[in-house]
Amino acid sequence: MRIGQGFDAHGLVAGRPLILGGVTIAHPRGLAGHSDADVLTHAVTSACLGAAALGDLGRHFPAKDPRYRDCDSRMLLRAVVAMIKERGLFVVNMDATIVAEAPRLAPFVGRMAEHLAADLDVAVDCVNVKATTTEGMGYTGRAEGMSAHAVVLLDGPRKP
């Protein structure tokens, strides 16, 4: 078994959609970034890469590469899951936390979990998504940005 941890953070800006876990959420500001800036999916993808010892997002999907401009982060996650499977590994489960002051995310976490479960190729009961605030502290507390943390467990064939 192999464990990977992922983290991502992006600032909030006007004129961008807010996408978390592949779910578009009505909000006056979205996350700034080269891709769709989905911090949750980026953190999960980073955790998968870490568990498989495959480096980081920038190594596989450079921000300067125009192919990834405004791309769907779920596409990146599915590509990483394919890399994992090529190495004989598979996702066992995933747990993630979104850190955001607003909007309230509880109504959306079920759909986020469904999307991530589909992309990770696991049952939805193997995926947990939760949200918290920083109670007004720091950049998330001032609603300047959002972040996400994720942990992924992989398993696969044992080496002799």
C-alpha atoms as a PDB file:
ATOM      1  CA  MET A   1       0.000   0.000   0.000  1.00  0.00           C
ATOM      2  CA  ARG A   2       1.147   3.529  -0.788  1.00  0.00           C
ATOM      3  CA  ILE A   3      -0.132   6.815   0.650  1.00  0.00           C
ATOM      4  CA  GLY A   4       0.021  10.181  -1.098  1.00  0.00           C
ATOM      5  CA  GLN A   5      -0.792  13.639   0.209  1.00  0.00           C
ATOM      6  CA  GLY A   6      -1.837  16.560  -1.978  1.00  0.00           C
ATOM      7  CA  PHE A   7      -2.378  20.279  -1.491  1.00  0.00           C
ATOM      8  CA  ASP A   8      -3.428  23.109  -3.772  1.00  0.00           C
ATOM      9  CA  ALA A   9      -4.425  26.761  -3.360  1.00  0.00           C
ATOM     10  CA  HIS A  10      -5.687  29.423  -5.749  1.00  0.00           C
ATOM     11  CA  GLY A  11      -6.810  33.020  -5.373  1.00  0.00           C
ATOM     12  CA  LEU A  12     -10.382  34.122  -6.005  1.00  0.00           C
ATOM     13  CA  VAL A  13     -11.016  36.535  -8.887  1.00  0.00           C
ATOM     14  CA  ALA A  14     -14.004  38.020 -10.678  1.00  0.00           C
ATOM     15  CA  GLY A  15     -14.910  36.750 -14.136  1.00  0.00           C
ATOM     16  CA  ARG A  16     -14.068  33.069 -13.601  1.00  0.00           C
ATOM     17  CA  PRO A  17     -16.421  30.196 -12.757  1.00  0.00           C
ATOM     18  CA  LEU A  18     -15.993  28.522  -9.376  1.00  0.00           C
ATOM     19  CA  ILE A  19     -15.330  24.826 -10.014  1.00  0.00           C
ATOM     20  CA  LEU A  20     -14.665  22.383  -7.187  1.00  0.00           C
ATOM     21  CA  GLY A  21     -14.517  18.645  -7.689  1.00  0.00           C
ATOM     22  CA  GLY A  22     -15.825  19.162 -11.196  1.00  0.00           C
ATOM     23  CA  VAL A  23     -18.959  20.938  -9.903  1.00  0.00           C
ATOM     24  CA  THR A  24     -19.653  24.493 -11.064  1.00  0.00           C
ATOM     25  CA  ILE A  25     -20.960  26.493  -8.107  1.00  0.00           C
ATOM     26  CA  ALA A  26     -22.779  29.818  -8.405  1.00  0.00           C
ATOM     27  CA  HIS A  27     -20.503  32.399  -6.773  1.00  0.00           C
ATOM     28  CA  PRO A  28     -19.468  35.949  -7.717  1.00  0.00           C
ATOM     29  CA  ARG A  29     -15.815  34.903  -8.024  1.00  0.00           C
ATOM     30  CA  GLY A  30     -13.957  31.866  -9.255  1.00  0.00           C
ATOM     31  CA  LEU A  31     -10.448  30.537  -8.789  1.00  0.00           C
ATOM     32  CA  ALA A  32      -7.551  31.999 -10.772  1.00  0.00           C
ATOM     33  CA  GLY A  33      -5.260  29.595 -12.585  1.00  0.00           C
ATOM     34  CA  HIS A  34      -3.994  28.319 -15.907  1.00  0.00           C
ATOM     35  CA  SER A  35      -6.487  25.432 -16.001  1.00  0.00           C
ATOM     36  CA  ASP A  36      -9.982  25.635 -14.515  1.00  0.00           C
ATOM     37  CA  ALA A  37      -8.159  26.058 -11.129  1.00  0.00           C
ATOM     38  CA  ASP A  38     -10.215  23.348  -9.408  1.00  0.00           C
ATOM     39  CA  VAL A  39      -8.242  23.207  -6.126  1.00  0.00           C
ATOM     40  CA  LEU A  40     -10.010  20.056  -4.939  1.00  0.00           C
ATOM     41  CA  THR A  41      -9.300  18.040  -8.064  1.00  0.00           C
ATOM     42  CA  HIS A  42      -5.730  19.387  -8.173  1.00  0.00           C
ATOM     43  CA  ALA A  43      -5.117  18.279  -4.569  1.00  0.00           C
ATOM     44  CA  VAL A  44      -6.517  14.805  -5.297  1.00  0.00           C
ATOM     45  CA  THR A  45      -4.424  14.523  -8.466  1.00  0.00           C
ATOM     46  CA  SER A  46      -1.328  15.624  -6.553  1.00  0.00           C
ATOM     47  CA  ALA A  47      -2.016  13.011  -3.868  1.00  0.00           C
ATOM     48  CA  CYS A  48      -2.308  10.311  -6.547  1.00  0.00           C
ATOM     49  CA  LEU A  49       0.983  11.375  -8.100  1.00  0.00           C
ATOM     50  CA  GLY A  50       2.637  11.367  -4.685  1.00  0.00           C
ATOM     51  CA  ALA A  51       1.387   7.908  -3.757  1.00  0.00           C
ATOM     52  CA  ALA A  52       2.714   6.545  -7.051  1.00  0.00           C
ATOM     53  CA  ALA A  53       6.016   8.469  -6.715  1.00  0.00           C
ATOM     54  CA  LEU A  54       5.372  10.216 -10.035  1.00  0.00           C
ATOM     55  CA  GLY A  55       6.352  13.772  -9.139  1.00  0.00           C
ATOM     56  CA  ASP A  56       3.943  16.688  -9.205  1.00  0.00           C
ATOM     57  CA  LEU A  57       1.307  18.303 -11.415  1.00  0.00           C
ATOM     58  CA  GLY A  58       3.761  20.768 -12.977  1.00  0.00           C
ATOM     59  CA  ARG A  59       5.988  17.930 -14.147  1.00  0.00           C
ATOM     60  CA  HIS A  60       3.181  16.289 -16.115  1.00  0.00           C
ATOM     61  CA  PHE A  61       0.974  19.301 -16.963  1.00  0.00           C
ATOM     62  CA  PRO A  62       3.143  22.458 -17.084  1.00  0.00           C
ATOM     63  CA  ALA A  63       1.272  25.729 -16.547  1.00  0.00           C
ATOM     64  CA  LYS A  64       3.141  27.261 -19.499  1.00  0.00           C
ATOM     65  CA  ASP A  65       1.788  24.598 -21.873  1.00  0.00           C
ATOM     66  CA  PRO A  66      -1.118  26.110 -23.857  1.00  0.00           C
ATOM     67  CA  ARG A  67      -2.782  22.666 -24.098  1.00  0.00           C
ATOM     68  CA  TYR A  68      -3.800  23.020 -20.444  1.00  0.00           C
ATOM     69  CA  ARG A  69      -5.164  26.569 -20.672  1.00  0.00           C
ATOM     70  CA  ASP A  70      -8.641  26.523 -19.050  1.00  0.00           C
ATOM     71  CA  CYS A  71      -8.673  22.710 -19.261  1.00  0.00           C
ATOM     72  CA  ASP A  72     -10.980  20.558 -17.167  1.00  0.00           C
ATOM     73  CA  SER A  73      -8.960  19.384 -14.153  1.00  0.00           C
ATOM     74  CA  ARG A  74     -10.918  16.131 -14.121  1.00  0.00           C
ATOM     75  CA  MET A  75      -9.197  15.299 -17.425  1.00  0.00           C
ATOM     76  CA  LEU A  76      -5.834  15.659 -15.668  1.00  0.00           C
ATOM     77  CA  LEU A  77      -6.973  13.409 -12.810  1.00  0.00           C
ATOM     78  CA  ARG A  78      -8.154  10.723 -15.242  1.00  0.00           C
ATOM     79  CA  ALA A  79      -4.779  10.886 -17.040  1.00  0.00           C
ATOM     80  CA  VAL A  80      -2.949  10.386 -13.731  1.00  0.00           C
ATOM     81  CA  VAL A  81      -5.210   7.476 -12.773  1.00  0.00           C
ATOM     82  CA  ALA A  82      -4.311   5.885 -16.133  1.00  0.00           C
ATOM     83  CA  MET A  83      -0.594   6.311 -15.288  1.00  0.00           C
ATOM     84  CA  ILE A  84      -1.187   4.672 -11.922  1.00  0.00           C
ATOM     85  CA  LYS A  85      -2.981   1.727 -13.519  1.00  0.00           C
ATOM     86  CA  GLU A  86      -0.113   1.294 -16.005  1.00  0.00           C
ATOM     87  CA  ARG A  87       2.116   0.681 -12.985  1.00  0.00           C
ATOM     88  CA  GLY A  88      -0.212  -2.012 -11.653  1.00  0.00           C
ATOM     89  CA  LEU A  89      -1.586   0.230  -8.912  1.00  0.00           C
ATOM     90  CA  PHE A  90      -5.172   1.170  -8.101  1.00  0.00           C
ATOM     91  CA  VAL A  91      -6.911   3.643  -5.804  1.00  0.00           C
ATOM     92  CA  VAL A  92      -8.285   2.185  -2.573  1.00  0.00           C
ATOM     93  CA  ASN A  93      -9.770   5.352  -1.113  1.00  0.00           C
ATOM     94  CA  MET A  94      -9.473   9.136  -0.959  1.00  0.00           C
ATOM     95  CA  ASP A  95     -10.213  11.753   1.695  1.00  0.00           C
ATOM     96  CA  ALA A  96     -10.143  15.498   1.022  1.00  0.00           C
ATOM     97  CA  THR A  97     -10.841  18.788   2.756  1.00  0.00           C
ATOM     98  CA  ILE A  98     -11.673  22.066   1.022  1.00  0.00           C
ATOM     99  CA  VAL A  99     -10.761  25.189   2.994  1.00  0.00           C
ATOM    100  CA  ALA A 100     -13.010  28.121   2.061  1.00  0.00           C
ATOM    101  CA  GLU A 101     -14.866  30.860   3.879  1.00  0.00           C
ATOM    102  CA  ALA A 102     -17.656  31.054   1.288  1.00  0.00           C
ATOM    103  CA  PRO A 103     -19.805  29.781  -0.312  1.00  0.00           C
ATOM    104  CA  ARG A 104     -21.216  27.058   1.924  1.00  0.00           C
ATOM    105  CA  LEU A 105     -20.139  23.837   0.218  1.00  0.00           C
ATOM    106  CA  ALA A 106     -22.154  21.189   2.083  1.00  0.00           C
ATOM    107  CA  PRO A 107     -24.884  21.071  -0.611  1.00  0.00           C
ATOM    108  CA  PHE A 108     -22.269  20.247  -3.267  1.00  0.00           C
ATOM    109  CA  VAL A 109     -19.929  17.716  -1.630  1.00  0.00           C
ATOM    110  CA  GLY A 110     -22.036  14.711  -2.652  1.00  0.00           C
ATOM    111  CA  ARG A 111     -21.762  15.570  -6.353  1.00  0.00           C
ATOM    112  CA  MET A 112     -18.054  16.337  -5.928  1.00  0.00           C
ATOM    113  CA  ALA A 113     -17.557  12.886  -4.395  1.00  0.00           C
ATOM    114  CA  GLU A 114     -19.475  11.264  -7.256  1.00  0.00           C
ATOM    115  CA  HIS A 115     -17.290  12.994  -9.860  1.00  0.00           C
ATOM    116  CA  LEU A 116     -14.056  12.150  -8.063  1.00  0.00           C
ATOM    117  CA  ALA A 117     -15.119   8.524  -7.512  1.00  0.00           C
ATOM    118  CA  ALA A 118     -15.820   8.158 -11.232  1.00  0.00           C
ATOM    119  CA  ASP A 119     -12.440   9.689 -12.131  1.00  0.00           C
ATOM    120  CA  LEU A 120     -10.575   7.579  -9.549  1.00  0.00           C
ATOM    121  CA  ASP A 121     -12.459   4.459 -10.721  1.00  0.00           C
ATOM    122  CA  VAL A 122     -13.700   3.590  -7.223  1.00  0.00           C
ATOM    123  CA  ALA A 123     -17.088   3.297  -5.556  1.00  0.00           C
ATOM    124  CA  VAL A 124     -18.441   6.555  -4.179  1.00  0.00           C
ATOM    125  CA  ASP A 125     -18.258   5.136  -0.649  1.00  0.00           C
ATOM    126  CA  CYS A 126     -14.458   5.091  -1.057  1.00  0.00           C
ATOM    127  CA  VAL A 127     -14.383   8.884  -1.500  1.00  0.00           C
ATOM    128  CA  ASN A 128     -14.884  11.484   1.214  1.00  0.00           C
ATOM    129  CA  VAL A 129     -15.099  15.230   0.610  1.00  0.00           C
ATOM    130  CA  LYS A 130     -15.566  17.738   3.390  1.00  0.00           C
ATOM    131  CA  ALA A 131     -15.273  21.489   3.782  1.00  0.00           C
ATOM    132  CA  THR A 132     -14.143  23.764   6.564  1.00  0.00           C
ATOM    133  CA  THR A 133     -13.353  27.422   7.174  1.00  0.00           C
ATOM    134  CA  THR A 134     -10.467  29.107   8.921  1.00  0.00           C
ATOM    135  CA  GLU A 135     -12.896  31.193  10.981  1.00  0.00           C
ATOM    136  CA  GLY A 136     -11.794  34.429   9.380  1.00  0.00           C
ATOM    137  CA  MET A 137      -8.046  33.823   9.628  1.00  0.00           C
ATOM    138  CA  GLY A 138      -5.561  34.027   6.754  1.00  0.00           C
ATOM    139  CA  TYR A 139      -6.168  34.328   3.008  1.00  0.00           C
ATOM    140  CA  THR A 140      -9.043  31.855   3.062  1.00  0.00           C
ATOM    141  CA  GLY A 141     -10.638  33.610   6.018  1.00  0.00           C
ATOM    142  CA  ARG A 142     -10.445  36.928   4.178  1.00  0.00           C
ATOM    143  CA  ALA A 143     -12.038  35.181   1.150  1.00  0.00           C
ATOM    144  CA  GLU A 144      -8.980  35.929  -0.990  1.00  0.00           C
ATOM    145  CA  GLY A 145      -8.628  32.298  -2.040  1.00  0.00           C
ATOM    146  CA  MET A 146      -9.364  28.652  -1.358  1.00  0.00           C
ATOM    147  CA  SER A 147      -7.246  25.603  -0.725  1.00  0.00           C
ATOM    148  CA  ALA A 148      -7.697  21.854  -0.545  1.00  0.00           C
ATOM    149  CA  HIS A 149      -5.870  18.959   1.092  1.00  0.00           C
ATOM    150  CA  ALA A 150      -6.195  15.338  -0.026  1.00  0.00           C
ATOM    151  CA  VAL A 151      -4.912  11.911   0.958  1.00  0.00           C
ATOM    152  CA  VAL A 152      -5.049   8.921  -1.387  1.00  0.00           C
ATOM    153  CA  LEU A 153      -4.307   5.279  -0.647  1.00  0.00           C
ATOM    154  CA  LEU A 154      -3.080   3.102  -3.518  1.00  0.00           C
ATOM    155  CA  ASP A 155      -2.545  -0.635  -3.604  1.00  0.00           C
ATOM    156  CA  GLY A 156      -1.151  -2.988  -6.170  1.00  0.00           C
ATOM    157  CA  PRO A 157       0.949  -6.040  -6.745  1.00  0.00           C
ATOM    158  CA  ARG A 158       3.681  -6.743  -4.242  1.00  0.00           C
ATOM    159  CA  LYS A 159       7.293  -6.884  -5.368  1.00  0.00           C
ATOM    160  CA  PRO A 160       9.057 -10.170  -4.532  1.00  0.00           C
END
